[in-house]
Amino acid sequence: MAKFKQYVLPIAILFGFLLHNLCVSLSFLVPILIFTILLLSFVAVDIRRLRPTLFDLGLIVYQIVVGVGLFLLLTLFGVNKIIAEGVMMGALTPVAASSTVVACMLGANRERVTTFAIVGNISMAVVTPIVFTLIGDHPELSLSNSYMLMMAKIGSVLALPFFIALILQIWLPKVNDVLAKRTNWSYYVWAIALFLTLGQTIHYILTRGEGQWGNIIWLSSLSLLFCFFQFWFGRKYGRHHNDIIGGAQMMGQKNSAMGIWMVNTFLYSPLSSVFMAFYSVWQNLWNAWQLAHLKK
């Protein structure tokens, strides 16, 4: 079974491409799978001991400064707004809640990456509605409406497994211990979720591409460069906190489905979300390579 792990991500990508229509029809399963992954991650740590640190603050500041800064810089130089907003979302999109699975397999500190999975998503839910309101692409959406949409989207997936795990640890510790011993299952649950989300991503790229290939080529190329940069810079950042893998995965691995939804809901053109769609492919190819070269 251990040898099979290195092939899981390439298989998910291949079947996601071949069966993308099926993935779209099964998309309703993804929130259930993410809930399961998070619950298995949360029960494996003592939630009451999780505390935000300078590590988390640095990652949050990076997302805001780089995301907003790149958008302003690109628009200042007259870059197409579709591309500028796509690049911005490469930084502002919250960390993937399931990133803890790969990060912990690669040797990251479990408490640290679990803390940022929570703090990072909540922070971006607070910050991004302000950014989107200032950009003004959808003036009919007030700041309060934007907040309600964001909190409903993140809270439904993130808050519920968190509070269930907290209840189990306080009042049903034996049940919590049984689930904690099944943490390795989260990898295979994640593989199924990855198959479905990548299939949806590929379907999205194919259906959005007609007549927009110039923008799509720019978005795909820039997403590849930005994905490489974020994993590289995350390693540099993580080294200062004695967690190279944690820094790389928390900065580089994004909740692309969330990013696509945010673009479609709040920003100028749905086509900008192609940036995050391709980013999803690049980050998972990188994760596949990392896991394939992981020393057993």
Protein backbone atom coordinates (compact mmCIF):
# COMPACT_ATOMS: atom_id res chain seq x y z
CA MET A 1 0.00 0.00 0.00
CA ALA A 2 2.88 2.38 0.75
CA LYS A 3 4.25 1.96 -2.79
CA PHE A 4 0.81 2.74 -4.20
CA LYS A 5 0.79 6.16 -2.50
CA GLN A 6 3.29 7.66 -4.94
CA TYR A 7 0.95 6.86 -7.85
CA VAL A 8 -2.25 8.21 -6.29
CA LEU A 9 -1.91 11.81 -7.47
CA PRO A 10 -0.89 11.02 -11.09
CA ILE A 11 -3.80 8.56 -11.29
CA ALA A 12 -6.20 11.19 -9.91
CA ILE A 13 -4.98 13.71 -12.51
CA LEU A 14 -5.23 11.21 -15.38
CA PHE A 15 -8.71 10.01 -14.48
CA GLY A 16 -9.81 13.56 -13.73
CA PHE A 17 -8.91 14.46 -17.31
CA LEU A 18 -10.53 11.39 -18.84
CA LEU A 19 -13.69 11.45 -16.70
CA HIS A 20 -14.20 15.20 -16.20
CA ASN A 21 -17.90 15.01 -17.12
CA LEU A 22 -18.45 12.39 -14.40
CA CYS A 23 -16.54 14.54 -11.91
CA VAL A 24 -18.91 17.44 -12.54
CA SER A 25 -21.95 15.26 -11.82
CA LEU A 26 -20.36 14.00 -8.58
CA SER A 27 -19.22 17.41 -7.37
CA PHE A 28 -21.73 17.32 -4.49
CA LEU A 29 -19.48 14.75 -2.78
CA VAL A 30 -16.49 17.08 -2.45
CA PRO A 31 -17.66 19.01 0.67
CA ILE A 32 -18.37 15.67 2.39
CA LEU A 33 -14.89 14.40 1.55
CA ILE A 34 -13.23 17.64 2.72
CA PHE A 35 -15.24 17.46 5.95
CA THR A 36 -13.92 13.91 6.51
CA ILE A 37 -10.33 14.96 5.82
CA LEU A 38 -10.53 17.86 8.25
CA LEU A 39 -12.17 15.80 10.97
CA LEU A 40 -9.41 13.16 10.71
CA SER A 41 -6.80 15.94 10.83
CA PHE A 42 -8.36 17.73 13.81
CA VAL A 43 -8.78 14.63 16.00
CA ALA A 44 -5.05 13.88 15.56
CA VAL A 45 -4.03 17.02 17.47
CA ASP A 46 -5.14 18.53 20.74
CA ILE A 47 -7.30 21.38 19.43
CA ARG A 48 -7.17 23.14 22.78
CA ARG A 49 -3.42 23.57 22.36
CA LEU A 50 -3.57 25.20 18.92
CA ARG A 51 -2.37 28.80 19.07
CA PRO A 52 -1.66 31.23 16.22
CA THR A 53 2.00 32.25 16.04
CA LEU A 54 4.26 34.60 14.07
CA PHE A 55 4.46 31.82 11.47
CA ASP A 56 0.74 32.27 10.76
CA LEU A 57 0.91 36.06 10.85
CA GLY A 58 3.75 36.13 8.33
CA LEU A 59 1.85 33.93 5.87
CA ILE A 60 -1.29 36.07 6.19
CA VAL A 61 0.65 39.32 5.66
CA TYR A 62 2.33 37.76 2.62
CA GLN A 63 -1.03 36.85 1.07
CA ILE A 64 -2.49 40.33 1.53
CA VAL A 65 0.58 42.36 0.53
CA VAL A 66 1.54 40.22 -2.47
CA GLY A 67 -2.04 39.73 -3.70
CA VAL A 68 -3.10 43.37 -3.52
CA GLY A 69 0.37 44.64 -4.50
CA LEU A 70 0.54 42.55 -7.68
CA PHE A 71 -2.97 43.61 -8.69
CA LEU A 72 -2.12 47.32 -8.27
CA LEU A 73 1.21 46.93 -10.05
CA LEU A 74 -0.23 45.06 -13.02
CA THR A 75 -3.14 47.46 -13.46
CA LEU A 76 -0.74 50.41 -13.15
CA PHE A 77 1.17 49.05 -16.14
CA GLY A 78 -2.04 48.55 -18.12
CA VAL A 79 -2.22 44.76 -17.88
CA ASN A 80 -5.56 43.18 -18.80
CA LYS A 81 -7.81 43.18 -15.71
CA ILE A 82 -8.68 39.52 -16.30
CA ILE A 83 -5.02 38.60 -15.89
CA ALA A 84 -4.40 41.04 -13.02
CA GLU A 85 -7.27 39.62 -10.96
CA GLY A 86 -6.24 36.06 -11.75
CA VAL A 87 -2.72 36.71 -10.45
CA MET A 88 -4.12 38.47 -7.37
CA MET A 89 -6.17 35.39 -6.52
CA GLY A 90 -3.05 33.24 -6.68
CA ALA A 91 -2.01 34.93 -3.42
CA LEU A 92 -5.37 35.74 -1.81
CA THR A 93 -6.93 32.29 -2.23
CA PRO A 94 -6.95 30.56 1.19
CA VAL A 95 -4.71 27.61 1.93
CA ALA A 96 -6.25 24.27 1.01
CA ALA A 97 -7.82 22.75 4.10
CA SER A 98 -6.57 19.36 2.91
CA SER A 99 -2.98 20.65 2.67
CA THR A 100 -2.34 19.17 6.12
CA VAL A 101 -2.48 15.70 4.56
CA VAL A 102 0.46 16.20 2.20
CA ALA A 103 2.35 18.48 4.59
CA CYS A 104 2.28 15.91 7.40
CA MET A 105 3.24 13.06 5.06
CA LEU A 106 6.27 15.10 4.00
CA GLY A 107 7.27 15.72 7.62
CA ALA A 108 5.77 19.10 8.54
CA ASN A 109 4.75 19.95 12.10
CA ARG A 110 1.14 18.75 12.40
CA GLU A 111 0.03 21.31 14.98
CA ARG A 112 1.54 24.18 13.01
CA VAL A 113 -0.05 23.30 9.65
CA THR A 114 -3.39 22.46 11.27
CA THR A 115 -3.41 25.83 13.02
CA PHE A 116 -2.76 27.68 9.79
CA ALA A 117 -5.40 25.68 7.92
CA ILE A 118 -7.90 27.19 10.38
CA VAL A 119 -6.40 30.65 10.88
CA GLY A 120 -5.52 31.14 7.21
CA ASN A 121 -9.03 30.39 5.96
CA ILE A 122 -10.70 32.58 8.58
CA SER A 123 -8.27 35.45 7.91
CA MET A 124 -8.89 35.42 4.16
CA ALA A 125 -12.64 35.26 4.80
CA VAL A 126 -12.25 38.50 6.78
CA VAL A 127 -9.85 40.30 4.41
CA THR A 128 -11.01 39.38 0.90
CA PRO A 129 -14.52 40.93 1.06
CA ILE A 130 -12.86 44.28 1.86
CA VAL A 131 -10.50 43.89 -1.10
CA PHE A 132 -13.32 42.89 -3.45
CA THR A 133 -15.47 45.81 -2.30
CA LEU A 134 -12.64 48.30 -2.94
CA ILE A 135 -12.06 46.88 -6.42
CA GLY A 136 -15.75 47.48 -7.08
CA ASP A 137 -16.44 44.89 -9.76
CA HIS A 138 -19.88 44.13 -8.30
CA PRO A 139 -21.26 47.27 -6.62
CA GLU A 140 -24.58 45.48 -6.05
CA LEU A 141 -22.78 43.30 -3.47
CA SER A 142 -22.39 45.24 -0.22
CA LEU A 143 -19.58 44.50 2.21
CA SER A 144 -22.03 42.82 4.62
CA ASN A 145 -23.42 40.60 1.85
CA SER A 146 -19.90 39.64 0.82
CA TYR A 147 -19.08 38.70 4.41
CA MET A 148 -22.18 36.52 4.70
CA LEU A 149 -21.34 34.70 1.47
CA MET A 150 -17.74 34.10 2.55
CA MET A 151 -18.55 32.92 6.05
CA ALA A 152 -21.25 30.58 4.77
CA LYS A 153 -18.84 29.09 2.25
CA ILE A 154 -15.94 28.59 4.64
CA GLY A 155 -17.87 27.98 7.86
CA SER A 156 -19.92 25.10 6.50
CA VAL A 157 -16.82 23.06 5.70
CA LEU A 158 -14.30 24.29 8.28
CA ALA A 159 -16.26 25.06 11.45
CA LEU A 160 -18.32 21.87 11.70
CA PRO A 161 -15.43 19.34 11.78
CA PHE A 162 -13.54 21.65 14.14
CA PHE A 163 -16.34 21.73 16.72
CA ILE A 164 -17.10 18.01 16.35
CA ALA A 165 -13.43 17.21 17.03
CA LEU A 166 -13.44 19.58 20.01
CA ILE A 167 -16.55 17.88 21.45
CA LEU A 168 -14.99 14.44 20.96
CA GLN A 169 -11.76 15.47 22.68
CA ILE A 170 -13.57 16.95 25.67
CA TRP A 171 -16.45 14.52 26.20
CA LEU A 172 -15.71 11.40 24.09
CA PRO A 173 -11.93 10.96 24.19
CA LYS A 174 -12.09 7.22 23.44
CA VAL A 175 -14.00 7.87 20.22
CA ASN A 176 -11.48 10.60 19.39
CA ASP A 177 -8.61 8.14 19.93
CA VAL A 178 -10.19 5.58 17.59
CA LEU A 179 -10.52 8.21 14.84
CA ALA A 180 -7.02 9.54 15.50
CA LYS A 181 -5.62 6.09 14.72
CA ARG A 182 -7.29 6.30 11.29
CA THR A 183 -5.59 9.55 10.29
CA ASN A 184 -3.74 7.81 7.44
CA TRP A 185 -7.13 7.21 5.78
CA SER A 186 -7.32 10.94 5.07
CA TYR A 187 -4.78 10.52 2.26
CA TYR A 188 -7.04 8.18 0.31
CA VAL A 189 -10.12 10.28 1.02
CA TRP A 190 -8.13 13.23 -0.28
CA ALA A 191 -7.21 11.27 -3.42
CA ILE A 192 -10.91 10.82 -4.20
CA ALA A 193 -11.58 14.51 -3.53
CA LEU A 194 -8.61 15.38 -5.74
CA PHE A 195 -9.94 13.24 -8.58
CA LEU A 196 -13.29 15.02 -8.42
CA THR A 197 -11.92 18.56 -8.06
CA LEU A 198 -9.29 18.14 -10.76
CA GLY A 199 -11.92 16.69 -13.09
CA GLN A 200 -14.10 19.73 -12.45
CA THR A 201 -11.08 21.98 -13.01
CA ILE A 202 -10.26 20.38 -16.35
CA HIS A 203 -13.91 20.54 -17.40
CA TYR A 204 -13.94 24.21 -16.43
CA ILE A 205 -10.83 24.97 -18.51
CA LEU A 206 -12.24 23.16 -21.54
CA THR A 207 -15.63 24.87 -21.35
CA ARG A 208 -14.21 28.37 -20.70
CA GLY A 209 -11.57 28.20 -23.39
CA GLU A 210 -13.50 28.89 -26.57
CA GLY A 211 -12.47 32.20 -28.14
CA GLN A 212 -10.25 33.17 -25.17
CA TRP A 213 -7.09 31.23 -25.86
CA GLY A 214 -4.80 34.28 -25.68
CA ASN A 215 -5.88 35.12 -22.15
CA ILE A 216 -5.89 31.44 -21.17
CA ILE A 217 -2.29 30.97 -22.35
CA TRP A 218 -1.21 33.98 -20.27
CA LEU A 219 -3.19 32.81 -17.22
CA SER A 220 -1.85 29.25 -17.43
CA SER A 221 1.77 30.39 -17.90
CA LEU A 222 1.65 32.93 -15.08
CA SER A 223 -0.04 30.42 -12.76
CA LEU A 224 2.81 27.97 -13.38
CA LEU A 225 5.43 30.62 -12.55
CA PHE A 226 3.52 31.82 -9.50
CA CYS A 227 2.97 28.28 -8.20
CA PHE A 228 6.71 27.60 -8.49
CA PHE A 229 7.53 30.90 -6.76
CA GLN A 230 5.15 30.32 -3.83
CA PHE A 231 6.47 26.83 -3.05
CA TRP A 232 10.06 28.10 -3.38
CA PHE A 233 9.51 31.21 -1.28
CA GLY A 234 7.50 29.16 1.24
CA ARG A 235 10.54 26.94 1.78
CA LYS A 236 12.68 30.03 2.39
CA TYR A 237 10.11 31.37 4.83
CA GLY A 238 9.68 28.01 6.57
CA ARG A 239 13.42 27.71 7.13
CA HIS A 240 13.25 30.71 9.49
CA HIS A 241 10.62 28.83 11.53
CA ASN A 242 12.35 25.43 11.44
CA ASP A 243 9.64 23.97 9.20
CA ILE A 244 10.64 24.09 5.52
CA ILE A 245 7.90 21.70 4.41
CA GLY A 246 5.21 23.48 6.43
CA GLY A 247 6.18 26.85 5.00
CA ALA A 248 6.17 25.56 1.43
CA GLN A 249 2.84 23.73 1.65
CA MET A 250 1.03 26.45 3.58
CA MET A 251 2.17 29.15 1.17
CA GLY A 252 1.95 27.11 -2.02
CA GLN A 253 -1.00 24.75 -1.70
CA LYS A 254 -4.20 26.66 -2.38
CA ASN A 255 -7.91 25.87 -2.12
CA SER A 256 -8.37 26.26 -5.87
CA ALA A 257 -12.08 25.40 -5.78
CA MET A 258 -12.57 28.23 -3.27
CA GLY A 259 -10.52 30.56 -5.44
CA ILE A 260 -12.61 29.77 -8.52
CA TRP A 261 -15.81 30.37 -6.56
CA MET A 262 -14.50 33.71 -5.25
CA VAL A 263 -13.66 34.92 -8.76
CA ASN A 264 -17.04 33.88 -10.15
CA THR A 265 -18.88 35.53 -7.24
CA PHE A 266 -16.98 38.76 -6.62
CA LEU A 267 -14.70 39.73 -9.51
CA TYR A 268 -14.80 41.27 -12.99
CA SER A 269 -14.68 38.23 -15.28
CA PRO A 270 -15.21 34.50 -14.59
CA LEU A 271 -12.34 33.88 -17.00
CA SER A 272 -9.89 35.08 -14.32
CA SER A 273 -10.62 31.87 -12.42
CA VAL A 274 -8.73 29.92 -15.09
CA PHE A 275 -5.59 31.08 -13.25
CA MET A 276 -6.62 29.10 -10.17
CA ALA A 277 -7.87 26.21 -12.31
CA PHE A 278 -4.41 25.76 -13.83
CA TYR A 279 -2.78 26.47 -10.47
CA SER A 280 -4.65 23.44 -9.13
CA VAL A 281 -3.07 21.25 -11.81
CA TRP A 282 0.46 22.59 -11.24
CA GLN A 283 0.35 22.31 -7.43
CA ASN A 284 -0.88 18.74 -7.57
CA LEU A 285 1.75 17.73 -10.12
CA TRP A 286 4.32 19.17 -7.72
CA ASN A 287 2.80 17.31 -4.78
CA ALA A 288 2.82 14.11 -6.81
CA TRP A 289 6.52 14.57 -7.51
CA GLN A 290 7.26 15.30 -3.85
CA LEU A 291 5.44 12.21 -2.63
CA ALA A 292 7.04 10.02 -5.30
CA HIS A 293 10.48 11.09 -4.07
CA LEU A 294 9.63 10.86 -0.38
CA LYS A 295 12.12 8.61 1.40
CA LYS A 296 10.29 5.75 3.06
